[in-house]
Amino acid sequence: MTDLLYSEEEEALRAAVRDLLSDHCDAPGVIARTESGTPHDLAAWKALADGMGLAGLLVPEDRGGQGATHREAAVVLEELGRAVAPVPYLTSAVVATEALLACDAEGGLLAELASGRRIGALAVALNVAPGGAYKVVRHEDGALHGELTAVADAAVADVLLVPADDGGLYAVDADAVTVTPQASLDLTRPVATVTLDGAPGRLLGDAEPAVRRALRAGAGLLASEQLGLAEWTLTETVRYLKERKQFNRPVGGFQALKHRLAQLWLEVVNLRAAARNVADALSTGEDVDVAVAVAQAYAAPVAVHAAEEALQLHAGIGMTWEHPVHLYLKRAKADSIAYGTAGAHREALAETIALPAP
């Protein structure tokens, strides 16, 4: 039977990442970055990728990585979710890296992403679910032409992995394309339009299996980010309600609020089980499609509910720009459509287990 509890090594990894993020990604700093026009914290990314080697967790040691598993990457994403850290970990160290792992011939670029020397981004819209249709560009005379929208973290990518109409996946240097920021609800993971006007590309392999593998891993490990986000909002809300007083007694003592928090706690505990299960499934390769669909069908509503409750139960202070709860609500809402909606994953689950629609 699979043990989904955290190992000592995973808990040590969590403590190290949380300690690092407390230095780099405090709430006032993240809010200030979202107002600056350059929301990504590249100093935090360098510390995670270069200092701790976390960008290469999913890459085998003989290909330049750490040779760890999705379970360790999930722990990192839990902590990044807790801090709403504006770093391209999910997009580069998970999604782009998984796409390259599916292209067996590619070695040098994979090692560069694993070391953190370069940041990669899969040029597929953030809302595309695993197995879903995605937009491609035109490949003509060795050059790529077209426009791709809603590409997450394209603004900081050094290399883009671009699917083309000939079925290939191409590596394109970021300085060969035009990246135009789009209006993003989640300012800590901005999206952008990528325009290719005769950009040279290097063929990596077949796009379809690479994109499917990348989006599947992205959807599965996104649940760990959503778990970290939900845990932070629940913990902070409980702490606030113990301190906040009305009628000379703590607000958290009122029965109606206790019921709301108890219900939320149950949802977060269940989300942890789903997130741990999909991280383990990805690491072992067993029942991955079912685990991903179950996790994402459940994760998005819980994360959004947790953030909404935090906003409401913090009352007036929660409505201010200075309080970080709005960052968590925006990330939760954006995550709820990332790599497929909960409804899309429920449909995929029904199809996977041959459950007919009502």
Protein backbone atom coordinates (compact mmCIF):
# COMPACT_ATOMS: atom_id res chain seq x y z
CA MET A 1 0.00 0.00 0.00
CA THR A 2 1.29 3.43 -0.94
CA ASP A 3 2.37 5.67 1.91
CA LEU A 4 1.12 9.19 1.21
CA LEU A 5 2.48 10.65 4.44
CA TYR A 6 5.38 13.06 4.17
CA SER A 7 8.81 11.52 4.66
CA GLU A 8 11.48 13.05 6.89
CA GLU A 9 13.32 14.23 3.77
CA GLU A 10 10.19 15.89 2.42
CA GLU A 11 9.57 17.68 5.72
CA ALA A 12 13.19 18.86 5.76
CA LEU A 13 12.76 20.14 2.20
CA ARG A 14 9.57 21.95 3.24
CA ALA A 15 11.32 23.65 6.15
CA ALA A 16 14.20 24.79 3.93
CA VAL A 17 11.91 26.19 1.22
CA ARG A 18 9.65 27.92 3.76
CA ASP A 19 12.68 29.50 5.42
CA LEU A 20 13.97 30.76 2.08
CA LEU A 21 10.59 32.17 1.07
CA SER A 22 10.17 33.95 4.40
CA ASP A 23 13.31 35.91 3.48
CA HIS A 24 12.42 36.55 -0.16
CA CYS A 25 8.63 36.53 -0.55
CA ASP A 26 7.04 38.39 2.34
CA ALA A 27 3.55 39.70 1.57
CA PRO A 28 4.40 43.44 1.36
CA GLY A 29 7.23 42.62 -1.04
CA VAL A 30 5.00 40.51 -3.30
CA ILE A 31 2.32 43.21 -3.35
CA ALA A 32 4.95 45.84 -4.20
CA ARG A 33 6.19 43.69 -7.07
CA THR A 34 2.71 43.36 -8.56
CA GLU A 35 2.56 47.18 -8.68
CA SER A 36 6.01 47.54 -10.25
CA GLY A 37 5.33 46.09 -13.69
CA THR A 38 7.96 43.37 -13.09
CA PRO A 39 6.14 40.97 -10.76
CA HIS A 40 8.55 38.03 -11.03
CA ASP A 41 11.02 37.70 -8.16
CA LEU A 42 14.12 36.53 -9.99
CA ALA A 43 16.24 36.74 -6.83
CA ALA A 44 13.95 34.20 -5.15
CA TRP A 45 14.01 32.08 -8.31
CA LYS A 46 17.82 32.12 -8.35
CA ALA A 47 17.91 31.09 -4.68
CA LEU A 48 15.49 28.21 -5.33
CA ALA A 49 17.01 27.05 -8.60
CA ASP A 50 20.71 27.80 -8.20
CA GLY A 51 21.10 27.84 -4.44
CA MET A 52 18.93 24.82 -3.61
CA GLY A 53 18.87 22.99 -6.97
CA LEU A 54 15.09 22.73 -6.97
CA ALA A 55 14.57 23.49 -10.67
CA GLY A 56 16.00 20.07 -11.51
CA LEU A 57 14.01 17.89 -9.12
CA LEU A 58 12.21 16.05 -11.93
CA VAL A 59 15.31 15.62 -14.11
CA PRO A 60 17.43 12.44 -13.77
CA GLU A 61 20.94 12.93 -12.45
CA ASP A 62 22.52 11.65 -15.68
CA ARG A 63 20.72 14.47 -17.53
CA GLY A 64 21.84 17.26 -15.24
CA GLY A 65 19.14 17.21 -12.56
CA GLN A 66 18.56 16.10 -8.99
CA GLY A 67 16.88 12.79 -9.78
CA ALA A 68 14.04 13.32 -7.30
CA THR A 69 10.33 12.65 -7.87
CA HIS A 70 7.04 14.50 -8.20
CA ARG A 71 6.50 14.05 -4.46
CA GLU A 72 9.39 16.39 -3.69
CA ALA A 73 8.30 18.85 -6.38
CA ALA A 74 4.82 18.80 -4.82
CA VAL A 75 6.23 19.81 -1.42
CA VAL A 76 8.03 22.76 -3.06
CA LEU A 77 4.79 23.81 -4.77
CA GLU A 78 2.86 23.64 -1.51
CA GLU A 79 5.25 26.18 -0.02
CA LEU A 80 5.20 28.35 -3.14
CA GLY A 81 1.40 28.34 -2.90
CA ARG A 82 1.54 29.35 0.76
CA ALA A 83 3.66 32.37 -0.17
CA VAL A 84 1.94 33.12 -3.54
CA ALA A 85 5.55 33.29 -4.72
CA PRO A 86 5.95 35.07 -8.08
CA VAL A 87 8.46 32.59 -9.50
CA PRO A 88 8.19 30.46 -12.68
CA TYR A 89 8.58 27.13 -10.89
CA LEU A 90 5.42 25.41 -12.12
CA THR A 91 5.83 26.69 -15.68
CA SER A 92 9.58 26.05 -16.08
CA ALA A 93 10.66 23.37 -13.56
CA VAL A 94 7.50 21.28 -14.08
CA VAL A 95 5.64 21.95 -17.33
CA ALA A 96 8.49 22.95 -19.68
CA THR A 97 10.79 20.36 -18.07
CA GLU A 98 8.25 17.55 -18.53
CA ALA A 99 7.84 18.52 -22.19
CA LEU A 100 11.60 18.23 -22.69
CA LEU A 101 11.72 14.91 -20.82
CA ALA A 102 9.27 13.58 -23.41
CA CYS A 103 11.74 14.58 -26.16
CA ASP A 104 14.46 12.00 -25.49
CA ALA A 105 16.97 13.53 -27.90
CA GLU A 106 17.14 16.88 -26.09
CA GLY A 107 19.91 17.07 -23.48
CA GLY A 108 21.61 20.45 -23.27
CA LEU A 109 18.48 22.55 -22.91
CA LEU A 110 17.07 20.20 -20.28
CA ALA A 111 20.25 20.54 -18.20
CA GLU A 112 20.06 24.34 -18.50
CA LEU A 113 16.49 24.36 -17.21
CA ALA A 114 17.43 21.91 -14.44
CA SER A 115 20.24 24.18 -13.25
CA GLY A 116 18.09 27.29 -13.42
CA ARG A 117 20.49 28.96 -15.85
CA ARG A 118 17.58 29.38 -18.26
CA ILE A 119 13.83 29.63 -17.73
CA GLY A 120 11.55 27.73 -20.07
CA ALA A 121 7.88 28.15 -20.93
CA LEU A 122 5.60 25.88 -22.93
CA ALA A 123 3.86 28.11 -25.46
CA VAL A 124 0.39 26.71 -24.81
CA ALA A 125 -2.42 28.75 -23.24
CA LEU A 126 -2.62 28.34 -19.46
CA ASN A 127 -6.27 27.19 -19.60
CA VAL A 128 -5.65 24.15 -21.84
CA ALA A 129 -6.39 20.83 -20.12
CA PRO A 130 -4.29 17.68 -20.60
CA GLY A 131 -5.38 16.14 -23.88
CA GLY A 132 -7.19 19.34 -24.89
CA ALA A 133 -6.85 21.17 -28.20
CA TYR A 134 -4.16 23.82 -28.31
CA LYS A 135 -3.15 26.45 -30.83
CA VAL A 136 -0.13 25.88 -33.09
CA VAL A 137 1.96 28.18 -35.26
CA ARG A 138 2.86 27.83 -38.93
CA HIS A 139 6.16 26.20 -39.82
CA GLU A 140 7.45 27.37 -43.18
CA ASP A 141 10.96 27.17 -44.66
CA GLY A 142 12.54 26.51 -41.30
CA ALA A 143 10.88 29.51 -39.60
CA LEU A 144 7.84 29.87 -37.34
CA HIS A 145 4.97 32.30 -37.88
CA GLY A 146 1.91 32.96 -35.73
CA GLU A 147 0.52 34.23 -32.46
CA LEU A 148 -0.10 32.37 -29.21
CA THR A 149 -2.09 33.88 -26.36
CA ALA A 150 -2.32 33.41 -22.58
CA VAL A 151 1.14 31.89 -22.20
CA ALA A 152 2.01 31.93 -18.49
CA ASP A 153 5.37 33.38 -17.40
CA ALA A 154 6.39 34.09 -21.01
CA ALA A 155 7.67 37.49 -19.84
CA VAL A 156 10.61 35.91 -17.99
CA ALA A 157 11.23 32.88 -20.21
CA ASP A 158 14.61 32.58 -21.94
CA VAL A 159 13.35 29.84 -24.25
CA LEU A 160 9.86 28.99 -25.47
CA LEU A 161 8.73 25.49 -26.43
CA VAL A 162 6.45 26.10 -29.40
CA PRO A 163 4.13 23.52 -31.05
CA ALA A 164 3.86 23.92 -34.83
CA ASP A 165 1.41 22.77 -37.51
CA ASP A 166 3.84 20.11 -38.77
CA GLY A 167 3.43 18.24 -35.46
CA GLY A 168 6.81 19.24 -34.09
CA LEU A 169 7.78 20.97 -30.87
CA TYR A 170 10.38 23.68 -31.40
CA ALA A 171 12.73 25.52 -29.04
CA VAL A 172 12.67 29.25 -29.77
CA ASP A 173 14.88 31.79 -28.04
CA ALA A 174 12.84 34.51 -26.33
CA ASP A 175 14.77 37.31 -28.05
CA ALA A 176 13.50 36.01 -31.40
CA VAL A 177 9.85 36.63 -30.54
CA THR A 178 7.68 39.51 -29.33
CA VAL A 179 6.12 39.04 -25.89
CA THR A 180 3.20 41.36 -25.11
CA PRO A 181 1.73 41.30 -21.57
CA GLN A 182 -2.01 40.58 -21.32
CA ALA A 183 -4.35 41.72 -18.58
CA SER A 184 -4.01 39.09 -15.85
CA LEU A 185 -6.25 38.57 -12.83
CA ASP A 186 -3.36 36.85 -11.03
CA LEU A 187 -0.57 39.42 -11.08
CA THR A 188 1.89 36.93 -9.54
CA ARG A 189 1.63 34.59 -12.57
CA PRO A 190 1.06 36.92 -15.51
CA VAL A 191 0.17 35.72 -18.99
CA ALA A 192 1.29 37.17 -22.29
CA THR A 193 0.83 36.98 -26.05
CA VAL A 194 3.77 35.52 -27.97
CA THR A 195 4.14 36.66 -31.58
CA LEU A 196 6.46 34.79 -33.94
CA ASP A 197 7.36 36.52 -37.21
CA GLY A 198 9.77 34.22 -38.96
CA ALA A 199 11.43 33.11 -35.72
CA PRO A 200 14.02 30.33 -36.07
CA GLY A 201 13.25 27.18 -34.10
CA ARG A 202 15.13 24.01 -33.22
CA LEU A 203 13.10 20.81 -33.53
CA LEU A 204 12.92 18.94 -30.22
CA GLY A 205 10.49 16.13 -31.02
CA ASP A 206 6.78 15.39 -31.46
CA ALA A 207 4.56 18.05 -29.92
CA GLU A 208 1.47 15.99 -29.07
CA PRO A 209 2.95 13.51 -26.54
CA ALA A 210 5.24 16.20 -25.09
CA VAL A 211 2.41 18.69 -24.56
CA ARG A 212 0.11 16.01 -23.13
CA ARG A 213 2.76 14.86 -20.64
CA ALA A 214 3.63 18.43 -19.67
CA LEU A 215 0.02 19.53 -19.09
CA ARG A 216 -0.78 16.35 -17.17
CA ALA A 217 2.10 16.96 -14.77
CA GLY A 218 1.19 20.65 -14.54
CA ALA A 219 -2.43 19.88 -13.70
CA GLY A 220 -1.46 17.23 -11.15
CA LEU A 221 1.12 19.29 -9.28
CA LEU A 222 -1.02 22.44 -9.46
CA ALA A 223 -3.16 20.70 -6.81
CA SER A 224 -0.24 20.97 -4.37
CA GLU A 225 0.03 24.70 -5.01
CA GLN A 226 -3.73 24.99 -4.41
CA LEU A 227 -3.31 22.98 -1.19
CA GLY A 228 -0.62 25.35 0.10
CA LEU A 229 -2.78 28.33 -0.77
CA ALA A 230 -5.84 26.87 0.98
CA GLU A 231 -3.85 25.93 4.08
CA TRP A 232 -2.40 29.44 4.42
CA THR A 233 -5.79 31.13 4.07
CA LEU A 234 -7.39 28.77 6.62
CA THR A 235 -4.54 29.15 9.14
CA GLU A 236 -4.48 32.93 8.84
CA THR A 237 -8.25 33.19 9.16
CA VAL A 238 -8.30 31.07 12.33
CA ARG A 239 -5.47 33.16 13.80
CA TYR A 240 -7.26 36.41 12.99
CA LEU A 241 -10.59 35.26 14.43
CA LYS A 242 -8.92 34.29 17.70
CA GLU A 243 -7.56 37.84 18.06
CA ARG A 244 -10.44 39.91 16.65
CA LYS A 245 -13.06 40.81 19.26
CA GLN A 246 -16.71 41.81 19.05
CA PHE A 247 -18.95 42.38 22.05
CA ASN A 248 -15.82 41.88 24.14
CA ARG A 249 -15.28 38.27 23.07
CA PRO A 250 -13.17 36.68 20.29
CA VAL A 251 -15.07 36.49 16.99
CA GLY A 252 -13.84 32.91 16.55
CA GLY A 253 -15.95 31.89 19.55
CA PHE A 254 -19.22 32.38 17.66
CA GLN A 255 -20.77 29.04 16.72
CA ALA A 256 -21.70 29.99 13.15
CA LEU A 257 -18.10 30.88 12.34
CA LYS A 258 -16.83 27.71 13.99
CA HIS A 259 -19.06 25.70 11.65
CA ARG A 260 -17.74 27.50 8.59
CA LEU A 261 -14.14 26.95 9.63
CA ALA A 262 -14.74 23.28 10.50
CA GLN A 263 -16.26 22.70 7.06
CA LEU A 264 -13.31 24.42 5.41
CA TRP A 265 -10.84 22.37 7.46
CA LEU A 266 -12.47 19.15 6.23
CA GLU A 267 -12.21 20.34 2.62
CA VAL A 268 -8.53 21.21 3.03
CA VAL A 269 -7.76 17.81 4.62
CA ASN A 270 -9.46 16.06 1.69
CA LEU A 271 -7.56 18.26 -0.75
CA ARG A 272 -4.28 17.22 0.89
CA ALA A 273 -5.18 13.56 0.31
CA ALA A 274 -5.97 14.21 -3.36
CA ALA A 275 -2.83 16.28 -3.90
CA ARG A 276 -0.57 13.71 -2.23
CA ASN A 277 -2.19 10.91 -4.22
CA VAL A 278 -1.61 12.58 -7.58
CA ALA A 279 1.99 13.49 -6.68
CA ASP A 280 2.63 9.85 -5.81
CA ALA A 281 0.86 8.63 -8.96
CA LEU A 282 3.00 10.90 -11.14
CA SER A 283 6.15 9.62 -9.45
CA THR A 284 5.22 5.94 -9.90
CA GLY A 285 3.35 6.19 -13.20
CA GLU A 286 0.34 4.27 -11.87
CA ASP A 287 -3.26 5.42 -12.56
CA VAL A 288 -1.99 8.90 -13.40
CA ASP A 289 -4.93 10.05 -15.52
CA VAL A 290 -7.48 9.15 -12.84
CA ALA A 291 -5.41 10.74 -10.06
CA VAL A 292 -4.94 13.99 -12.02
CA ALA A 293 -8.63 14.26 -12.88
CA VAL A 294 -9.74 13.55 -9.29
CA ALA A 295 -7.28 16.05 -7.82
CA GLN A 296 -8.18 18.89 -10.17
CA ALA A 297 -11.92 18.21 -10.01
CA TYR A 298 -11.66 18.78 -6.25
CA ALA A 299 -8.78 21.25 -5.81
CA ALA A 300 -10.06 24.33 -7.61
CA PRO A 301 -13.38 24.71 -5.72
CA VAL A 302 -11.66 24.17 -2.36
CA ALA A 303 -8.90 26.71 -3.00
CA VAL A 304 -11.40 29.32 -4.19
CA HIS A 305 -13.72 28.62 -1.25
CA ALA A 306 -10.84 28.93 1.23
CA ALA A 307 -9.73 32.26 -0.22
CA GLU A 308 -13.29 33.61 -0.35
CA GLU A 309 -13.91 32.64 3.27
CA ALA A 310 -10.62 34.28 4.28
CA LEU A 311 -11.61 37.50 2.51
CA GLN A 312 -15.07 37.57 4.12
CA LEU A 313 -13.98 36.56 7.62
CA HIS A 314 -11.19 39.14 7.70
CA ALA A 315 -14.00 41.69 7.22
CA GLY A 316 -12.89 45.25 6.49
CA ILE A 317 -9.14 44.60 6.70
CA GLY A 318 -9.49 41.79 4.16
CA MET A 319 -10.86 44.22 1.59
CA THR A 320 -7.74 46.40 1.67
CA TRP A 321 -4.93 46.28 -0.87
CA GLU A 322 -2.35 46.14 1.93
CA HIS A 323 -3.66 42.81 3.24
CA PRO A 324 -2.36 39.90 1.11
CA VAL A 325 -5.61 37.90 1.01
CA HIS A 326 -6.51 39.41 -2.38
CA LEU A 327 -3.34 37.84 -3.83
CA TYR A 328 -4.55 34.41 -2.68
CA LEU A 329 -8.07 34.89 -4.05
CA LYS A 330 -6.73 36.00 -7.44
CA ARG A 331 -4.29 33.09 -7.58
CA ALA A 332 -7.05 30.65 -6.56
CA LYS A 333 -9.42 31.99 -9.24
CA ALA A 334 -6.71 31.90 -11.91
CA ASP A 335 -5.66 28.38 -10.86
CA SER A 336 -9.28 27.25 -11.12
CA ILE A 337 -9.07 27.50 -14.92
CA ALA A 338 -5.37 26.62 -15.28
CA TYR A 339 -4.70 23.30 -17.04
CA GLY A 340 -8.44 22.67 -17.31
CA THR A 341 -11.44 23.58 -15.18
CA ALA A 342 -12.87 21.32 -12.50
CA GLY A 343 -15.75 20.54 -14.86
CA ALA A 344 -13.36 19.54 -17.66
CA HIS A 345 -11.54 17.20 -15.29
CA ARG A 346 -14.80 15.65 -14.09
CA GLU A 347 -15.68 14.93 -17.72
CA ALA A 348 -12.21 13.46 -18.30
CA LEU A 349 -12.60 11.28 -15.20
CA ALA A 350 -15.98 10.00 -16.34
CA GLU A 351 -14.51 9.12 -19.74
CA THR A 352 -11.42 7.48 -18.22
CA ILE A 353 -13.43 5.15 -15.98
CA ALA A 354 -16.19 4.64 -18.58
CA LEU A 355 -18.88 6.32 -16.48
CA PRO A 356 -21.75 7.40 -18.76
CA ALA A 357 -23.11 10.92 -18.51
CA PRO A 358 -26.57 11.24 -16.90
